[in-house]
Amino acid sequence: MIKPSIQNSLLMVVLATLSLSNLVSARTQSVLITDFGAVGDGKTINTQAIQAAIDKCAADGGGILTVPAGTFLTGSVFFKRGVDLHLEKDAVLKGTVDPNDYPQVPTRWEGEEKVWTAALVNFFDMNDVDITGPGRIDGSGEAWMQRYPRDSLELKTGRPRLIGIQNCRDVKVSGISIKNQACWGLFILYSENVLVENLVIRAAHNIISSDGIDVDSSRNVRITGCDIDVNDDCIAVKSGKDEDGRRVNRPAENIIVEKCHFRYGHGGVSMGSEMSGGIRNVEIRNCIMEADNWAPIRFKSQPSRGGVVEHITYRDLVLKDTRKAFEFNMAWRMRPPLKPPSDPLPLVRNVKIINVSGTTDHVGDMRGLKDSPIINVSFQNCHIKARRGFLLENVRDLDLSGLDIEVEEGEPIIRRNAP
């Protein structure tokens, strides 16, 4: 087994290769979607015109699909090898609100491989992918919610994610804006060597499941300089759910999130809840968490998951009026029908929280399972001011010596069922 110190050094070496210079596209031929009949009036549906431009660009040896200024309505489009996407200033790709415009494709949804709704913009089985701004991709999420509310029986398939990157290598997503994703914003699945930089992601707070970025069973990923305000996790790291996730058995690993600004969301950077393939070697650093974010440092799982989350570091974070600072919940969202516990049970271990300070309503909670406690979490130079304290349950080898807590109500540390 690699020791944690060596593991962290290895992570730095691997991710140092993910610089902008290494992932700059060499493609120069530009293809305008308007040359294929696309109209940016916000009314014309341009799916066929945009797909025709992609197909022609690929047939001619590749190049850059360029979206000029204007609002271009479209359903799902599918990029082909050798074709990048560039959105010029004031350019908007805007999703339609018709399920028929989004075909069903083989993918993974909420941790299980299945045929599911395609994203608005799809990159499958590609190498050397560039998606660049400064334009915007808009998922029309508020309109989806109005037409198909949570309990609607009319929508037989899922709402579309915004950008799907699946089974790709050497990817750069840079400088674009993401707005009102109908479902998850940027979805990265089974991919390697991915740089995500300088994105602005905004979703209205009535859009359910509007995660900002989801990294699913992917490796060597760097997310830097992003500004996120959504109505679910700002960033979630995942690796499959329950028996299907264990069958696929592909971890999410070697991931850095840095220099990001997390505003409202259900979590800052979350591990799980789909973590059955394992999550390891992740560092979140030099970020700001504020604006009533539910839990900037968040781990979630269920007894049925299995899998190991390990070697996770959160460092140099500033909290400003979040709901919690820390949430570790190994029995998250336990709603029937419940699956039987996995054997072995899921496990979270070897977590470092360093130089995390600020204000929050509730310091938080750390709840392991009775037969699988959370193991070896350490705090260094952390200072938290809160109204309420820190609840600990089923935790082992916890080092609180570097955590200073100032609370207005009750005890700073509440222990239950310590093994």
Protein backbone atom coordinates (compact mmCIF):
# COMPACT_ATOMS: atom_id res chain seq x y z
CA MET A 1 0.00 0.00 0.00
CA ILE A 2 1.25 3.51 -0.82
CA LYS A 3 1.71 5.64 2.26
CA PRO A 4 -0.43 8.82 2.39
CA SER A 5 2.55 11.17 2.11
CA ILE A 6 3.83 9.37 -0.97
CA GLN A 7 0.29 9.17 -2.32
CA ASN A 8 -0.12 12.94 -2.05
CA SER A 9 3.20 13.55 -3.79
CA LEU A 10 2.17 11.19 -6.57
CA LEU A 11 -1.10 13.11 -6.94
CA MET A 12 0.80 16.37 -7.37
CA VAL A 13 3.10 14.89 -10.00
CA VAL A 14 0.24 13.37 -11.99
CA LEU A 15 -1.84 16.54 -11.98
CA ALA A 16 1.07 18.84 -12.74
CA THR A 17 0.84 17.52 -16.29
CA LEU A 18 -2.70 18.90 -16.58
CA SER A 19 -1.69 22.42 -17.53
CA LEU A 20 -3.29 24.62 -20.14
CA SER A 21 -0.30 24.26 -22.46
CA ASN A 22 -0.68 20.50 -22.54
CA LEU A 23 -4.34 20.63 -23.51
CA VAL A 24 -4.46 23.42 -26.10
CA SER A 25 -6.06 22.27 -29.33
CA ALA A 26 -3.98 22.39 -32.50
CA ARG A 27 -7.08 22.67 -34.68
CA THR A 28 -7.46 25.88 -36.66
CA GLN A 29 -10.25 25.30 -39.19
CA SER A 30 -13.39 27.07 -37.97
CA VAL A 31 -16.91 26.14 -39.04
CA LEU A 32 -19.72 28.61 -38.32
CA ILE A 33 -23.07 27.03 -37.49
CA THR A 34 -24.78 29.90 -39.32
CA ASP A 35 -23.19 28.69 -42.56
CA PHE A 36 -25.34 25.58 -42.20
CA GLY A 37 -28.58 27.45 -41.67
CA ALA A 38 -28.59 27.98 -37.90
CA VAL A 39 -30.49 31.11 -36.84
CA GLY A 40 -29.77 32.83 -33.54
CA ASP A 41 -33.17 34.41 -32.98
CA GLY A 42 -34.09 32.45 -29.86
CA LYS A 43 -37.05 30.91 -31.70
CA THR A 44 -35.77 28.73 -34.54
CA ILE A 45 -34.88 25.16 -33.56
CA ASN A 46 -31.39 24.53 -34.93
CA THR A 47 -30.65 20.93 -33.95
CA GLN A 48 -30.35 19.63 -37.51
CA ALA A 49 -28.28 22.59 -38.71
CA ILE A 50 -25.82 22.31 -35.83
CA GLN A 51 -25.49 18.54 -36.21
CA ALA A 52 -24.93 18.97 -39.95
CA ALA A 53 -22.11 21.43 -39.23
CA ILE A 54 -20.51 18.97 -36.79
CA ASP A 55 -20.79 16.10 -39.26
CA LYS A 56 -19.29 18.11 -42.13
CA CYS A 57 -16.45 19.38 -39.96
CA ALA A 58 -15.59 15.84 -38.91
CA ALA A 59 -15.78 14.57 -42.49
CA ASP A 60 -13.36 17.31 -43.59
CA GLY A 61 -10.75 16.23 -41.06
CA GLY A 62 -11.89 18.12 -37.99
CA GLY A 63 -11.82 21.68 -36.73
CA ILE A 64 -13.63 24.08 -34.42
CA LEU A 65 -17.40 24.36 -34.43
CA THR A 66 -18.03 28.06 -33.74
CA VAL A 67 -21.22 29.52 -32.30
CA PRO A 68 -21.43 33.28 -33.06
CA ALA A 69 -23.38 35.90 -31.11
CA GLY A 70 -27.08 35.10 -30.86
CA THR A 71 -29.36 32.66 -29.05
CA PHE A 72 -29.50 29.30 -30.85
CA LEU A 73 -32.23 26.91 -29.70
CA THR A 74 -31.31 23.25 -30.03
CA GLY A 75 -31.94 19.75 -28.76
CA SER A 76 -29.16 17.20 -28.23
CA VAL A 77 -26.13 17.50 -30.49
CA PHE A 78 -23.34 14.91 -30.69
CA PHE A 79 -19.76 15.91 -31.39
CA LYS A 80 -17.47 13.68 -33.41
CA ARG A 81 -13.76 12.99 -33.23
CA GLY A 82 -11.67 15.96 -34.23
CA VAL A 83 -14.38 18.59 -33.65
CA ASP A 84 -14.06 21.15 -30.84
CA LEU A 85 -16.65 23.68 -29.64
CA HIS A 86 -16.12 27.42 -29.29
CA LEU A 87 -18.78 29.89 -28.16
CA GLU A 88 -18.01 33.48 -29.07
CA LYS A 89 -18.92 36.50 -26.95
CA ASP A 90 -22.72 36.81 -26.56
CA ALA A 91 -23.21 33.36 -28.10
CA VAL A 92 -25.82 31.15 -26.40
CA LEU A 93 -26.65 27.51 -27.08
CA LYS A 94 -30.06 27.16 -25.44
CA GLY A 95 -31.84 23.87 -24.88
CA THR A 96 -35.37 23.23 -26.05
CA VAL A 97 -38.00 22.02 -23.57
CA ASP A 98 -39.21 18.99 -25.51
CA PRO A 99 -38.21 15.47 -24.38
CA ASN A 100 -38.40 14.31 -27.99
CA ASP A 101 -35.37 16.49 -28.78
CA TYR A 102 -33.17 14.43 -26.41
CA PRO A 103 -32.65 10.80 -27.50
CA GLN A 104 -31.98 7.94 -25.13
CA VAL A 105 -28.33 6.82 -25.07
CA PRO A 106 -26.19 4.31 -23.15
CA THR A 107 -24.71 6.19 -20.20
CA ARG A 108 -24.71 6.18 -16.40
CA TRP A 109 -27.40 7.95 -14.40
CA GLU A 110 -27.22 8.32 -10.62
CA GLY A 111 -24.59 5.62 -10.39
CA GLU A 112 -26.14 2.92 -12.60
CA GLU A 113 -25.31 2.11 -16.20
CA LYS A 114 -28.47 2.32 -18.28
CA VAL A 115 -30.03 3.85 -21.34
CA TRP A 116 -30.89 7.39 -20.30
CA THR A 117 -31.57 10.85 -21.64
CA ALA A 118 -28.73 12.41 -23.66
CA ALA A 119 -27.24 15.71 -22.57
CA LEU A 120 -27.76 18.91 -24.54
CA VAL A 121 -24.12 18.83 -25.74
CA ASN A 122 -22.48 15.39 -25.95
CA PHE A 123 -18.85 14.31 -26.32
CA PHE A 124 -18.55 10.50 -26.35
CA ASP A 125 -15.47 8.35 -27.07
CA MET A 126 -13.19 11.23 -28.09
CA ASN A 127 -9.60 12.33 -27.55
CA ASP A 128 -8.25 15.89 -27.49
CA VAL A 129 -11.49 17.78 -26.78
CA ASP A 130 -11.73 21.56 -26.38
CA ILE A 131 -14.86 23.39 -25.19
CA THR A 132 -14.12 27.10 -24.92
CA GLY A 133 -15.88 30.41 -24.29
CA PRO A 134 -16.63 33.17 -23.54
CA GLY A 135 -20.18 32.25 -24.62
CA ARG A 136 -22.87 30.40 -22.68
CA ILE A 137 -24.77 27.12 -22.69
CA ASP A 138 -28.27 27.45 -21.21
CA GLY A 139 -30.35 24.40 -20.32
CA SER A 140 -33.72 26.19 -19.93
CA GLY A 141 -34.02 24.54 -16.53
CA GLU A 142 -36.68 26.88 -15.17
CA ALA A 143 -38.88 26.19 -18.19
CA TRP A 144 -38.37 22.44 -17.69
CA MET A 145 -39.47 22.78 -14.07
CA GLN A 146 -42.57 24.74 -15.05
CA ARG A 147 -43.57 22.27 -17.73
CA TYR A 148 -42.59 19.11 -15.89
CA PRO A 149 -42.62 19.66 -12.12
CA ARG A 150 -41.18 17.10 -9.73
CA ASP A 151 -44.35 14.99 -9.56
CA SER A 152 -45.28 15.24 -13.24
CA LEU A 153 -46.40 12.00 -14.89
CA GLU A 154 -46.01 13.47 -18.36
CA LEU A 155 -42.20 13.26 -18.42
CA LYS A 156 -41.39 9.59 -18.99
CA THR A 157 -37.62 10.13 -19.32
CA GLY A 158 -35.16 12.18 -17.31
CA ARG A 159 -34.48 15.85 -17.81
CA PRO A 160 -31.31 16.34 -19.88
CA ARG A 161 -27.96 17.13 -18.36
CA LEU A 162 -26.21 20.10 -19.95
CA ILE A 163 -22.76 18.88 -21.08
CA GLY A 164 -21.90 15.17 -21.16
CA ILE A 165 -18.25 14.11 -21.47
CA GLN A 166 -18.12 10.32 -21.56
CA ASN A 167 -15.18 8.00 -22.18
CA CYS A 168 -12.92 10.84 -23.33
CA ARG A 169 -9.24 11.62 -22.85
CA ASP A 170 -7.32 14.91 -22.83
CA VAL A 171 -10.20 17.33 -22.37
CA LYS A 172 -10.24 21.07 -21.73
CA VAL A 173 -13.38 22.99 -20.74
CA SER A 174 -12.44 26.66 -20.41
CA GLY A 175 -14.07 30.04 -20.01
CA ILE A 176 -17.69 29.21 -20.76
CA SER A 177 -20.77 30.04 -18.72
CA ILE A 178 -23.33 27.42 -17.76
CA LYS A 179 -26.83 28.55 -16.91
CA ASN A 180 -30.00 26.87 -15.68
CA GLN A 181 -29.07 23.28 -16.44
CA ALA A 182 -32.27 21.21 -16.51
CA CYS A 183 -30.32 18.58 -14.60
CA TRP A 184 -26.58 18.24 -13.83
CA GLY A 185 -24.41 20.89 -15.47
CA LEU A 186 -21.04 19.44 -16.54
CA PHE A 187 -20.97 15.62 -16.31
CA ILE A 188 -17.58 13.87 -16.67
CA LEU A 189 -17.83 10.07 -16.90
CA TYR A 190 -15.13 7.40 -17.49
CA SER A 191 -12.71 10.08 -18.68
CA GLU A 192 -9.04 10.88 -18.10
CA ASN A 193 -6.83 13.97 -18.14
CA VAL A 194 -9.50 16.65 -17.83
CA LEU A 195 -8.91 20.35 -17.19
CA VAL A 196 -11.92 22.49 -16.20
CA GLU A 197 -11.09 26.15 -15.71
CA ASN A 198 -12.74 29.52 -15.23
CA LEU A 199 -16.36 28.46 -15.58
CA VAL A 200 -19.27 30.49 -14.23
CA ILE A 201 -22.15 28.18 -13.33
CA ARG A 202 -25.55 29.49 -12.27
CA ALA A 203 -28.82 27.63 -11.72
CA ALA A 204 -32.06 29.04 -10.33
CA HIS A 205 -32.79 27.71 -6.86
CA ASN A 206 -36.01 26.02 -7.92
CA ILE A 207 -34.27 23.61 -10.35
CA ILE A 208 -33.87 20.25 -8.63
CA SER A 209 -30.70 18.19 -9.18
CA SER A 210 -28.91 21.15 -10.74
CA ASP A 211 -25.40 20.05 -9.69
CA GLY A 212 -22.65 22.26 -11.07
CA ILE A 213 -19.98 19.66 -11.94
CA ASP A 214 -20.11 15.88 -11.47
CA VAL A 215 -16.90 13.86 -11.77
CA ASP A 216 -17.89 10.20 -12.11
CA SER A 217 -15.37 7.34 -12.23
CA SER A 218 -12.80 9.59 -13.90
CA ARG A 219 -9.13 10.20 -13.16
CA ASN A 220 -6.56 12.98 -13.42
CA VAL A 221 -9.02 15.88 -13.21
CA ARG A 222 -8.20 19.47 -12.30
CA ILE A 223 -10.98 22.01 -11.65
CA THR A 224 -9.71 25.54 -11.14
CA GLY A 225 -11.03 29.09 -10.98
CA CYS A 226 -14.75 28.21 -11.17
CA ASP A 227 -17.61 30.21 -9.63
CA ILE A 228 -20.68 28.11 -8.82
CA ASP A 229 -24.18 28.85 -7.47
CA VAL A 230 -26.72 26.04 -7.96
CA ASN A 231 -29.53 24.08 -6.27
CA ASP A 232 -27.65 20.88 -5.45
CA ASP A 233 -23.97 20.02 -4.92
CA CYS A 234 -21.66 22.59 -6.48
CA ILE A 235 -19.21 19.78 -7.28
CA ALA A 236 -19.83 16.07 -6.63
CA VAL A 237 -17.31 13.26 -6.97
CA LYS A 238 -18.93 9.89 -7.72
CA SER A 239 -18.08 6.31 -8.74
CA GLY A 240 -21.24 4.25 -9.16
CA LYS A 241 -24.03 3.03 -6.94
CA ASP A 242 -24.48 -0.24 -5.07
CA GLU A 243 -24.04 -3.54 -6.94
CA ASP A 244 -23.78 -1.90 -10.36
CA GLY A 245 -21.07 0.47 -9.16
CA ARG A 246 -19.15 -2.43 -7.64
CA ARG A 247 -19.54 -4.40 -10.88
CA VAL A 248 -18.05 -1.57 -12.97
CA ASN A 249 -15.43 -1.01 -10.26
CA ARG A 250 -13.92 2.22 -11.64
CA PRO A 251 -12.78 4.71 -8.98
CA ALA A 252 -12.78 8.47 -9.16
CA GLU A 253 -9.17 9.35 -8.44
CA ASN A 254 -6.39 11.93 -8.70
CA ILE A 255 -8.59 15.03 -8.56
CA ILE A 256 -7.75 18.62 -7.60
CA VAL A 257 -10.29 21.39 -7.04
CA GLU A 258 -8.66 24.76 -6.44
CA LYS A 259 -9.22 28.52 -6.46
CA CYS A 260 -13.00 28.14 -6.76
CA HIS A 261 -15.83 30.20 -5.31
CA PHE A 262 -18.78 28.19 -4.02
CA ARG A 263 -21.95 30.09 -3.29
CA TYR A 264 -25.38 28.57 -2.59
CA GLY A 265 -25.61 24.81 -3.07
CA HIS A 266 -26.31 21.65 -1.09
CA GLY A 267 -22.58 21.02 -0.81
CA GLY A 268 -19.30 22.64 -1.74
CA VAL A 269 -17.29 19.63 -2.92
CA SER A 270 -19.11 16.40 -2.02
CA MET A 271 -17.88 12.82 -1.99
CA GLY A 272 -20.74 10.53 -3.03
CA SER A 273 -23.34 9.49 -2.43
CA GLU A 274 -22.63 7.15 -5.35
CA MET A 275 -19.16 5.94 -4.29
CA SER A 276 -19.29 2.17 -4.72
CA GLY A 277 -16.31 2.07 -7.09
CA GLY A 278 -14.17 4.05 -4.65
CA ILE A 279 -12.95 7.65 -4.42
CA ARG A 280 -9.29 8.35 -3.66
CA ASN A 281 -6.55 10.95 -3.89
CA VAL A 282 -8.65 14.12 -3.94
CA GLU A 283 -7.54 17.57 -2.78
CA ILE A 284 -9.73 20.66 -2.45
CA ARG A 285 -7.71 23.80 -1.76
CA ASN A 286 -7.74 27.61 -1.76
CA CYS A 287 -11.51 28.03 -2.10
CA ILE A 288 -14.22 30.26 -0.65
CA MET A 289 -17.51 28.73 0.56
CA GLU A 290 -20.35 31.10 1.37
CA ALA A 291 -23.97 32.24 0.74
CA ASP A 292 -25.79 29.65 2.88
CA ASN A 293 -24.04 26.68 1.26
CA TRP A 294 -25.40 23.63 3.07
CA ALA A 295 -22.12 21.80 3.74
CA PRO A 296 -18.85 22.88 2.07
CA ILE A 297 -17.08 19.69 3.23
CA ARG A 298 -19.47 16.84 2.56
CA PHE A 299 -19.31 13.02 2.53
CA LYS A 300 -22.47 10.99 1.91
CA SER A 301 -23.16 7.30 1.42
CA GLN A 302 -25.57 4.50 2.33
CA PRO A 303 -25.01 1.04 3.86
CA SER A 304 -25.77 -0.62 0.50
CA ARG A 305 -22.95 1.17 -1.34
CA GLY A 306 -19.75 -0.62 -0.44
CA GLY A 307 -16.57 1.03 -1.70
CA VAL A 308 -13.85 3.04 0.03
CA VAL A 309 -13.36 6.82 0.13
CA GLU A 310 -9.80 7.58 1.19
CA HIS A 311 -6.89 10.02 1.04
CA ILE A 312 -9.07 13.13 0.81
CA THR A 313 -7.70 16.57 1.78
CA TYR A 314 -9.54 19.85 2.23
CA ARG A 315 -7.13 22.71 2.87
CA ASP A 316 -7.00 26.51 2.93
CA LEU A 317 -10.75 27.12 2.80
CA VAL A 318 -12.66 30.20 3.96
CA LEU A 319 -16.25 29.74 5.18
CA LYS A 320 -18.67 32.66 5.24
CA ASP A 321 -22.07 32.01 6.81
CA THR A 322 -22.64 28.47 5.58
CA ARG A 323 -25.24 26.15 7.12
CA LYS A 324 -22.64 23.59 8.23
CA ALA A 325 -18.90 23.36 7.96
CA PHE A 326 -18.67 19.55 7.88
CA GLU A 327 -21.10 16.78 7.02
CA PHE A 328 -20.14 13.10 7.04
CA ASN A 329 -23.28 10.99 6.70
CA MET A 330 -22.94 7.28 5.95
CA ALA A 331 -26.72 6.76 6.15
CA TRP A 332 -27.70 9.64 3.90
CA ARG A 333 -31.21 9.89 2.48
CA MET A 334 -32.43 6.51 3.74
CA ARG A 335 -35.76 6.29 1.94
CA PRO A 336 -37.66 3.10 1.12
CA PRO A 337 -37.33 0.79 -0.64
CA LEU A 338 -33.98 0.19 1.02
CA LYS A 339 -31.40 -2.22 -0.37
CA PRO A 340 -29.62 -4.63 1.97
CA PRO A 341 -26.23 -3.58 3.36
CA SER A 342 -23.21 -4.44 1.26
CA ASP A 343 -20.50 -6.78 2.48
CA PRO A 344 -18.15 -5.16 3.22
CA LEU A 345 -19.88 -1.94 4.21
CA PRO A 346 -18.81 1.39 2.72
CA LEU A 347 -15.85 3.03 4.41
CA VAL A 348 -14.49 6.57 4.74
CA ARG A 349 -10.93 6.85 6.03
CA ASN A 350 -7.77 8.97 5.97
CA VAL A 351 -9.20 12.48 5.62
CA LYS A 352 -7.23 15.66 6.35
CA ILE A 353 -8.87 19.04 7.01
CA ILE A 354 -6.25 21.79 7.15
CA ASN A 355 -6.52 25.58 7.54
CA VAL A 356 -10.31 25.72 7.30
CA SER A 357 -11.79 28.71 9.10
CA GLY A 358 -14.89 30.87 9.19
CA THR A 359 -18.48 31.21 10.27
CA THR A 360 -21.33 28.72 10.03
CA ASP A 361 -24.66 28.02 11.71
CA HIS A 362 -23.78 24.47 12.73
CA VAL A 363 -20.25 23.08 12.95
CA GLY A 364 -21.74 19.90 11.52
CA ASP A 365 -21.87 16.18 12.07
CA MET A 366 -19.72 13.13 11.48
CA ARG A 367 -21.87 9.99 11.47
CA GLY A 368 -20.32 6.66 10.58
CA LEU A 369 -22.04 3.28 10.64
CA LYS A 370 -21.97 1.15 13.78
CA ASP A 371 -20.10 -1.62 11.96
CA SER A 372 -18.09 0.71 9.72
CA PRO A 373 -16.99 3.80 11.65
CA ILE A 374 -15.34 6.74 9.94
CA ILE A 375 -11.59 6.26 10.49
CA ASN A 376 -8.60 8.57 10.82
CA VAL A 377 -9.87 12.09 10.23
CA SER A 378 -7.53 14.85 11.37
CA PHE A 379 -7.91 18.62 11.74
CA GLN A 380 -5.00 21.05 11.58
CA ASN A 381 -5.22 24.80 12.27
CA CYS A 382 -9.01 25.01 11.83
CA HIS A 383 -11.10 27.72 13.54
CA ILE A 384 -14.89 27.65 13.37
CA LYS A 385 -17.44 30.06 14.85
CA ALA A 386 -20.96 28.67 14.95
CA ARG A 387 -24.29 28.79 16.71
CA ARG A 388 -24.23 25.03 17.42
CA GLY A 389 -21.53 22.40 17.81
CA PHE A 390 -20.12 19.26 16.19
CA LEU A 391 -21.97 15.93 16.54
CA LEU A 392 -19.79 12.79 16.41
CA GLU A 393 -21.20 9.27 16.06
CA ASN A 394 -19.39 6.05 15.18
CA VAL A 395 -15.99 7.65 14.58
CA ARG A 396 -12.57 6.14 15.30
CA ASP A 397 -9.04 7.59 15.45
CA LEU A 398 -10.27 11.17 15.21
CA ASP A 399 -7.72 13.93 15.84
CA LEU A 400 -9.49 17.11 16.97
CA SER A 401 -6.35 18.75 18.39
CA GLY A 402 -6.20 21.19 15.48
CA LEU A 403 -9.88 22.20 15.57
CA ASP A 404 -10.85 25.28 17.56
CA ILE A 405 -14.63 25.70 17.93
CA GLU A 406 -16.52 28.68 19.37
CA VAL A 407 -20.27 28.09 19.75
CA GLU A 408 -23.18 30.19 21.01
CA GLU A 409 -25.39 27.29 22.15
CA GLY A 410 -24.58 24.02 23.91
CA GLU A 411 -21.35 22.05 23.85
CA PRO A 412 -18.81 22.47 21.05
CA ILE A 413 -18.41 18.67 20.72
CA ILE A 414 -21.26 16.18 21.18
CA ARG A 415 -20.28 12.49 21.16
CA ARG A 416 -22.65 9.56 20.66
CA ASN A 417 -22.06 5.81 20.35
CA ALA A 418 -18.29 6.13 20.12
CA PRO A 419 -16.85 2.69 19.26
